[in-house]
Amino acid sequence: MRGRLNLTEDGAALLDFAGTKVLLDLVDPLPEDVADTWVELFIEHDKVSVCPYAL
């Protein structure tokens, strides 16, 4: 999955994936300097859960 990473004011991470926002559940907070950068995530499909969430 590739997209632009954004951080919210409360420290949550959002990945803009082709116009869809994906909320990432983080174990540790991300550094502030990664905000608005392009990232690529490599995740095993059996380790992913998808839940609808209204922002």
PDB file of N, CA and C in Angstrom:
ATOM      1  N   MET A   1       0.847  -1.160   0.000  1.00  0.00           N
ATOM      2  CA  MET A   1       0.000   0.000   0.000  1.00  0.00           C
ATOM      3  C   MET A   1       0.899   1.230   0.000  1.00  0.00           C
ATOM      4  N   ARG A   2       0.623   2.161  -0.919  1.00  0.00           N
ATOM      5  CA  ARG A   2       1.392   3.400  -0.988  1.00  0.00           C
ATOM      6  C   ARG A   2       0.456   4.578  -0.838  1.00  0.00           C
ATOM      7  N   GLY A   3       0.898   5.596  -0.118  1.00  0.00           N
ATOM      8  CA  GLY A   3       0.083   6.788   0.029  1.00  0.00           C
ATOM      9  C   GLY A   3       0.818   7.862   0.811  1.00  0.00           C
ATOM     10  N   ARG A   4       0.125   8.978   1.000  1.00  0.00           N
ATOM     11  CA  ARG A   4       0.695  10.108   1.734  1.00  0.00           C
ATOM     12  C   ARG A   4       0.281   9.994   3.197  1.00  0.00           C
ATOM     13  N   LEU A   5       1.257  10.060   4.081  1.00  0.00           N
ATOM     14  CA  LEU A   5       1.035   9.912   5.508  1.00  0.00           C
ATOM     15  C   LEU A   5       0.763  11.276   6.131  1.00  0.00           C
ATOM     16  N   ASN A   6      -0.287  11.366   6.919  1.00  0.00           N
ATOM     17  CA  ASN A   6      -0.629  12.591   7.634  1.00  0.00           C
ATOM     18  C   ASN A   6      -0.833  12.264   9.097  1.00  0.00           C
ATOM     19  N   LEU A   7      -0.533  13.237   9.957  1.00  0.00           N
ATOM     20  CA  LEU A   7      -0.742  13.087  11.389  1.00  0.00           C
ATOM     21  C   LEU A   7      -1.843  14.034  11.833  1.00  0.00           C
ATOM     22  N   THR A   8      -2.701  13.574  12.740  1.00  0.00           N
ATOM     23  CA  THR A   8      -3.748  14.431  13.284  1.00  0.00           C
ATOM     24  C   THR A   8      -3.208  15.136  14.523  1.00  0.00           C
ATOM     25  N   GLU A   9      -3.962  16.105  15.018  1.00  0.00           N
ATOM     26  CA  GLU A   9      -3.527  16.864  16.195  1.00  0.00           C
ATOM     27  C   GLU A   9      -3.365  15.976  17.433  1.00  0.00           C
ATOM     28  N   ASP A  10      -4.162  14.907  17.508  1.00  0.00           N
ATOM     29  CA  ASP A  10      -4.064  14.026  18.680  1.00  0.00           C
ATOM     30  C   ASP A  10      -3.059  12.891  18.501  1.00  0.00           C
ATOM     31  N   GLY A  11      -2.266  12.922  17.425  1.00  0.00           N
ATOM     32  CA  GLY A  11      -1.198  11.949  17.233  1.00  0.00           C
ATOM     33  C   GLY A  11      -1.559  10.723  16.428  1.00  0.00           C
ATOM     34  N   ALA A  12      -2.786  10.648  15.922  1.00  0.00           N
ATOM     35  CA  ALA A  12      -3.165   9.512  15.080  1.00  0.00           C
ATOM     36  C   ALA A  12      -2.523   9.667  13.699  1.00  0.00           C
ATOM     37  N   ALA A  13      -2.386   8.572  12.997  1.00  0.00           N
ATOM     38  CA  ALA A  13      -1.808   8.593  11.651  1.00  0.00           C
ATOM     39  C   ALA A  13      -2.869   8.217  10.637  1.00  0.00           C
ATOM     40  N   LEU A  14      -2.938   8.985   9.564  1.00  0.00           N
ATOM     41  CA  LEU A  14      -3.855   8.715   8.462  1.00  0.00           C
ATOM     42  C   LEU A  14      -3.042   8.522   7.195  1.00  0.00           C
ATOM     43  N   LEU A  15      -3.366   7.490   6.451  1.00  0.00           N
ATOM     44  CA  LEU A  15      -2.732   7.256   5.165  1.00  0.00           C
ATOM     45  C   LEU A  15      -3.742   7.590   4.086  1.00  0.00           C
ATOM     46  N   ASP A  16      -3.419   8.563   3.236  1.00  0.00           N
ATOM     47  CA  ASP A  16      -4.280   8.904   2.101  1.00  0.00           C
ATOM     48  C   ASP A  16      -3.931   7.940   0.985  1.00  0.00           C
ATOM     49  N   PHE A  17      -4.784   6.955   0.797  1.00  0.00           N
ATOM     50  CA  PHE A  17      -4.560   5.866  -0.148  1.00  0.00           C
ATOM     51  C   PHE A  17      -5.528   6.032  -1.310  1.00  0.00           C
ATOM     52  N   ALA A  18      -5.057   6.642  -2.396  1.00  0.00           N
ATOM     53  CA  ALA A  18      -5.870   6.856  -3.600  1.00  0.00           C
ATOM     54  C   ALA A  18      -7.168   7.600  -3.281  1.00  0.00           C
ATOM     55  N   GLY A  19      -7.079   8.631  -2.423  1.00  0.00           N
ATOM     56  CA  GLY A  19      -8.251   9.430  -2.087  1.00  0.00           C
ATOM     57  C   GLY A  19      -9.064   8.911  -0.930  1.00  0.00           C
ATOM     58  N   THR A  20      -8.704   7.755  -0.408  1.00  0.00           N
ATOM     59  CA  THR A  20      -9.388   7.181   0.752  1.00  0.00           C
ATOM     60  C   THR A  20      -8.477   7.299   1.955  1.00  0.00           C
ATOM     61  N   LYS A  21      -9.007   7.776   3.070  1.00  0.00           N
ATOM     62  CA  LYS A  21      -8.223   7.915   4.290  1.00  0.00           C
ATOM     63  C   LYS A  21      -8.249   6.596   5.063  1.00  0.00           C
ATOM     64  N   VAL A  22      -7.071   6.087   5.396  1.00  0.00           N
ATOM     65  CA  VAL A  22      -6.933   4.861   6.167  1.00  0.00           C
ATOM     66  C   VAL A  22      -6.337   5.244   7.518  1.00  0.00           C
ATOM     67  N   LEU A  23      -7.092   4.995   8.594  1.00  0.00           N
ATOM     68  CA  LEU A  23      -6.619   5.276   9.942  1.00  0.00           C
ATOM     69  C   LEU A  23      -5.692   4.145  10.376  1.00  0.00           C
ATOM     70  N   LEU A  24      -4.476   4.494  10.774  1.00  0.00           N
ATOM     71  CA  LEU A  24      -3.498   3.493  11.187  1.00  0.00           C
ATOM     72  C   LEU A  24      -3.462   3.412  12.708  1.00  0.00           C
ATOM     73  N   ASP A  25      -3.538   2.224  13.230  1.00  0.00           N
ATOM     74  CA  ASP A  25      -3.442   1.978  14.664  1.00  0.00           C
ATOM     75  C   ASP A  25      -1.966   1.782  14.986  1.00  0.00           C
ATOM     76  N   LEU A  26      -1.373   2.746  15.685  1.00  0.00           N
ATOM     77  CA  LEU A  26       0.071   2.738  15.914  1.00  0.00           C
ATOM     78  C   LEU A  26       0.410   2.197  17.291  1.00  0.00           C
ATOM     79  N   VAL A  27       1.522   1.481  17.375  1.00  0.00           N
ATOM     80  CA  VAL A  27       2.028   1.016  18.657  1.00  0.00           C
ATOM     81  C   VAL A  27       2.789   2.159  19.330  1.00  0.00           C
ATOM     82  N   ASP A  28       3.622   2.864  18.567  1.00  0.00           N
ATOM     83  CA  ASP A  28       4.395   3.999  19.066  1.00  0.00           C
ATOM     84  C   ASP A  28       4.050   5.233  18.236  1.00  0.00           C
ATOM     85  N   PRO A  29       4.142   6.427  18.818  1.00  0.00           N
ATOM     86  CA  PRO A  29       3.884   7.635  18.037  1.00  0.00           C
ATOM     87  C   PRO A  29       4.937   7.821  16.944  1.00  0.00           C
ATOM     88  N   LEU A  30       4.515   8.426  15.853  1.00  0.00           N
ATOM     89  CA  LEU A  30       5.439   8.722  14.755  1.00  0.00           C
ATOM     90  C   LEU A  30       6.131  10.054  14.998  1.00  0.00           C
ATOM     91  N   PRO A  31       7.357  10.221  14.507  1.00  0.00           N
ATOM     92  CA  PRO A  31       8.005  11.521  14.602  1.00  0.00           C
ATOM     93  C   PRO A  31       7.241  12.553  13.763  1.00  0.00           C
ATOM     94  N   GLU A  32       7.231  13.800  14.202  1.00  0.00           N
ATOM     95  CA  GLU A  32       6.492  14.848  13.502  1.00  0.00           C
ATOM     96  C   GLU A  32       7.031  15.115  12.100  1.00  0.00           C
ATOM     97  N   ASP A  33       8.316  14.845  11.854  1.00  0.00           N
ATOM     98  CA  ASP A  33       8.891  15.157  10.544  1.00  0.00           C
ATOM     99  C   ASP A  33       8.458  14.193   9.439  1.00  0.00           C
ATOM    100  N   VAL A  34       7.672  13.158   9.752  1.00  0.00           N
ATOM    101  CA  VAL A  34       7.177  12.254   8.713  1.00  0.00           C
ATOM    102  C   VAL A  34       5.828  12.707   8.151  1.00  0.00           C
ATOM    103  N   ALA A  35       5.251  13.733   8.749  1.00  0.00           N
ATOM    104  CA  ALA A  35       3.948  14.222   8.279  1.00  0.00           C
ATOM    105  C   ALA A  35       4.051  14.689   6.829  1.00  0.00           C
ATOM    106  N   ASP A  36       3.051  14.332   6.047  1.00  0.00           N
ATOM    107  CA  ASP A  36       2.914  14.738   4.649  1.00  0.00           C
ATOM    108  C   ASP A  36       4.009  14.155   3.752  1.00  0.00           C
ATOM    109  N   THR A  37       4.506  12.968   4.111  1.00  0.00           N
ATOM    110  CA  THR A  37       5.481  12.281   3.266  1.00  0.00           C
ATOM    111  C   THR A  37       4.814  11.084   2.607  1.00  0.00           C
ATOM    112  N   TRP A  38       5.404  10.614   1.529  1.00  0.00           N
ATOM    113  CA  TRP A  38       4.905   9.421   0.849  1.00  0.00           C
ATOM    114  C   TRP A  38       5.528   8.202   1.495  1.00  0.00           C
ATOM    115  N   VAL A  39       4.704   7.207   1.764  1.00  0.00           N
ATOM    116  CA  VAL A  39       5.187   5.980   2.395  1.00  0.00           C
ATOM    117  C   VAL A  39       4.653   4.771   1.651  1.00  0.00           C
ATOM    118  N   GLU A  40       5.320   3.655   1.841  1.00  0.00           N
ATOM    119  CA  GLU A  40       4.859   2.380   1.301  1.00  0.00           C
ATOM    120  C   GLU A  40       4.846   1.391   2.456  1.00  0.00           C
ATOM    121  N   LEU A  41       3.696   0.762   2.677  1.00  0.00           N
ATOM    122  CA  LEU A  41       3.547  -0.198   3.770  1.00  0.00           C
ATOM    123  C   LEU A  41       3.532  -1.612   3.203  1.00  0.00           C
ATOM    124  N   PHE A  42       4.285  -2.484   3.829  1.00  0.00           N
ATOM    125  CA  PHE A  42       4.293  -3.895   3.476  1.00  0.00           C
ATOM    126  C   PHE A  42       3.709  -4.648   4.661  1.00  0.00           C
ATOM    127  N   ILE A  43       2.512  -5.197   4.470  1.00  0.00           N
ATOM    128  CA  ILE A  43       1.801  -5.863   5.555  1.00  0.00           C
ATOM    129  C   ILE A  43       1.265  -7.200   5.049  1.00  0.00           C
ATOM    130  N   GLU A  44       1.451  -8.239   5.828  1.00  0.00           N
ATOM    131  CA  GLU A  44       0.893  -9.533   5.461  1.00  0.00           C
ATOM    132  C   GLU A  44      -0.632  -9.446   5.522  1.00  0.00           C
ATOM    133  N   HIS A  45      -1.305  -9.970   4.511  1.00  0.00           N
ATOM    134  CA  HIS A  45      -2.763  -9.808   4.419  1.00  0.00           C
ATOM    135  C   HIS A  45      -3.506 -10.415   5.604  1.00  0.00           C
ATOM    136  N   ASP A  46      -2.960 -11.436   6.239  1.00  0.00           N
ATOM    137  CA  ASP A  46      -3.655 -12.038   7.373  1.00  0.00           C
ATOM    138  C   ASP A  46      -3.462 -11.230   8.669  1.00  0.00           C
ATOM    139  N   LYS A  47      -2.667 -10.169   8.631  1.00  0.00           N
ATOM    140  CA  LYS A  47      -2.438  -9.313   9.792  1.00  0.00           C
ATOM    141  C   LYS A  47      -3.221  -7.991   9.695  1.00  0.00           C
ATOM    142  N   VAL A  48      -4.079  -7.850   8.697  1.00  0.00           N
ATOM    143  CA  VAL A  48      -4.812  -6.607   8.460  1.00  0.00           C
ATOM    144  C   VAL A  48      -6.281  -6.795   8.810  1.00  0.00           C
ATOM    145  N   SER A  49      -6.867  -5.834   9.520  1.00  0.00           N
ATOM    146  CA  SER A  49      -8.310  -5.803   9.722  1.00  0.00           C
ATOM    147  C   SER A  49      -8.818  -4.466   9.209  1.00  0.00           C
ATOM    148  N   VAL A  50      -9.958  -4.503   8.611  1.00  0.00           N
ATOM    149  CA  VAL A  50     -10.564  -3.291   8.071  1.00  0.00           C
ATOM    150  C   VAL A  50     -11.885  -3.069   8.775  1.00  0.00           C
ATOM    151  N   CYS A  51     -12.044  -1.860   9.326  1.00  0.00           N
ATOM    152  CA  CYS A  51     -13.277  -1.492  10.015  1.00  0.00           C
ATOM    153  C   CYS A  51     -13.705  -0.114   9.528  1.00  0.00           C
ATOM    154  N   PRO A  52     -14.986   0.086   9.210  1.00  0.00           N
ATOM    155  CA  PRO A  52     -15.437   1.412   8.802  1.00  0.00           C
ATOM    156  C   PRO A  52     -15.305   2.391   9.970  1.00  0.00           C
ATOM    157  N   TYR A  53     -14.922   3.619   9.642  1.00  0.00           N
ATOM    158  CA  TYR A  53     -14.718   4.639  10.667  1.00  0.00           C
ATOM    159  C   TYR A  53     -15.009   5.994  10.049  1.00  0.00           C
ATOM    160  N   ALA A  54     -15.855   6.783  10.681  1.00  0.00           N
ATOM    161  CA  ALA A  54     -16.185   8.113  10.169  1.00  0.00           C
ATOM    162  C   ALA A  54     -15.237   9.131  10.793  1.00  0.00           C
ATOM    163  N   LEU A  55     -14.597   9.930   9.964  1.00  0.00           N
ATOM    164  CA  LEU A  55     -13.683  10.968  10.464  1.00  0.00           C
ATOM    165  C   LEU A  55     -14.384  12.294  10.536  1.00  0.00           C
TER     166      LEU A  55
END
